Protein backbone atom coordinates (compact mmCIF):
# COMPACT_ATOMS: atom_id res chain seq x y z
CA PRO A 1 -8.27 27.15 1.92
CA ALA A 2 -8.39 24.96 -1.37
CA GLY A 3 -11.80 26.53 -2.52
CA LYS A 4 -9.99 29.95 -3.24
CA PRO A 5 -9.36 30.60 -6.98
CA GLU A 6 -5.58 31.45 -6.15
CA ASN A 7 -5.29 28.09 -4.87
CA SER A 8 -6.78 25.88 -7.32
CA ALA A 9 -3.70 25.69 -9.67
CA SER A 10 -1.38 24.24 -7.00
CA LEU A 11 -4.11 21.76 -6.09
CA GLU A 12 -4.55 20.75 -9.65
CA ALA A 13 -0.72 20.13 -9.64
CA LEU A 14 -1.04 18.09 -6.38
CA ALA A 15 -3.52 16.09 -7.77
CA ASP A 16 -1.87 15.24 -10.85
CA ARG A 17 1.54 14.27 -9.09
CA PHE A 18 -0.55 11.78 -7.09
CA GLU A 19 -2.32 10.18 -10.00
CA SER A 20 1.16 9.54 -11.02
CA LEU A 21 1.93 7.30 -8.24
CA PRO A 22 1.53 3.33 -8.61
CA LEU A 23 -1.38 2.05 -6.59
CA TYR A 24 -1.53 -1.90 -5.58
CA PHE A 25 -4.58 -3.64 -4.03
CA MET A 26 -4.65 -6.72 -1.83
CA THR A 27 -7.87 -8.68 -2.11
CA PHE A 28 -8.57 -10.21 1.50
CA HIS A 29 -12.46 -10.21 2.10
CA GLY A 30 -14.21 -10.78 5.43
CA GLY A 31 -12.30 -12.46 8.33
CA SER A 32 -8.81 -12.59 6.98
CA ASP A 33 -6.16 -14.04 9.16
CA VAL A 34 -4.10 -11.40 10.37
CA ASP A 35 -0.68 -13.06 9.67
CA ASP A 36 -1.52 -13.98 6.09
CA VAL A 37 -2.10 -9.87 5.72
CA LEU A 38 1.20 -9.19 7.31
CA ASP A 39 2.83 -11.55 4.94
CA ALA A 40 1.25 -9.72 2.02
CA MET A 41 2.22 -6.45 3.20
CA GLU A 42 5.89 -7.51 3.99
CA TYR A 43 6.00 -9.20 0.46
CA ALA A 44 4.58 -6.03 -1.03
CA ALA A 45 7.16 -3.92 0.71
CA TYR A 46 10.05 -6.13 -0.21
CA VAL A 47 9.12 -7.03 -3.80
CA LYS A 48 7.47 -4.12 -4.96
CA ASP A 49 9.49 -1.64 -2.68
CA VAL A 50 5.97 -0.02 -1.01
CA GLN A 51 6.44 2.29 1.24
CA HIS A 52 3.30 3.13 2.72
CA ILE A 53 0.27 1.08 3.43
CA ILE A 54 -3.28 1.96 3.96
CA LEU A 55 -5.28 -0.53 5.72
CA ASP A 56 -9.17 -0.03 5.41
CA ASN A 57 -12.17 -2.06 7.52
CA MET A 58 -9.67 -3.45 9.77
CA GLN A 59 -12.61 -4.56 11.96
CA PHE A 60 -13.43 -7.03 9.56
CA MET A 61 -10.08 -8.77 9.60
CA ILE A 62 -9.93 -9.02 13.34
CA THR A 63 -13.16 -10.87 13.77
CA ARG A 64 -11.30 -14.23 13.52
CA ASN A 65 -9.23 -16.00 16.24
CA ASN A 66 -9.90 -12.91 18.76
CA VAL A 67 -7.64 -13.15 21.91
CA SER A 68 -8.05 -10.76 24.77
CA SER A 69 -4.39 -9.39 25.45
CA GLY A 70 -2.07 -6.46 24.49
CA LYS A 71 -2.16 -2.73 24.60
CA TRP A 72 -5.16 -2.13 22.33
CA GLY A 73 -7.99 -2.62 24.45
CA GLY A 74 -7.83 -6.48 24.63
CA ASN A 75 -7.40 -7.17 20.86
CA SER A 76 -3.84 -9.04 20.25
CA HIS A 77 -4.47 -8.35 16.58
CA PHE A 78 -3.83 -4.78 16.87
CA ASP A 79 -0.43 -5.56 18.72
CA LYS A 80 0.62 -7.31 15.90
CA PHE A 81 0.44 -4.45 13.23
CA ASP A 82 1.88 -2.20 16.24
CA MET A 83 5.09 -4.00 16.02
CA GLN A 84 5.41 -3.10 12.23
């Protein structure tokens, strides 16, 4: 467990390594078009050599142009992310 004193040095070393990683943020707010978000992700992967992308609060992105189809409970926007 991380709470034990013998693990604190290794946890501190991992935190230091994580702190040195570059972080990039996109500024999409509210009901952004999913295709715009996917284009920005593709651009970041190509230009900045981004290998991992974390999307938070996707429910706000998919409120526009909601179409009922696909395997994600009737939301084709999730299907677009699944194809990536």
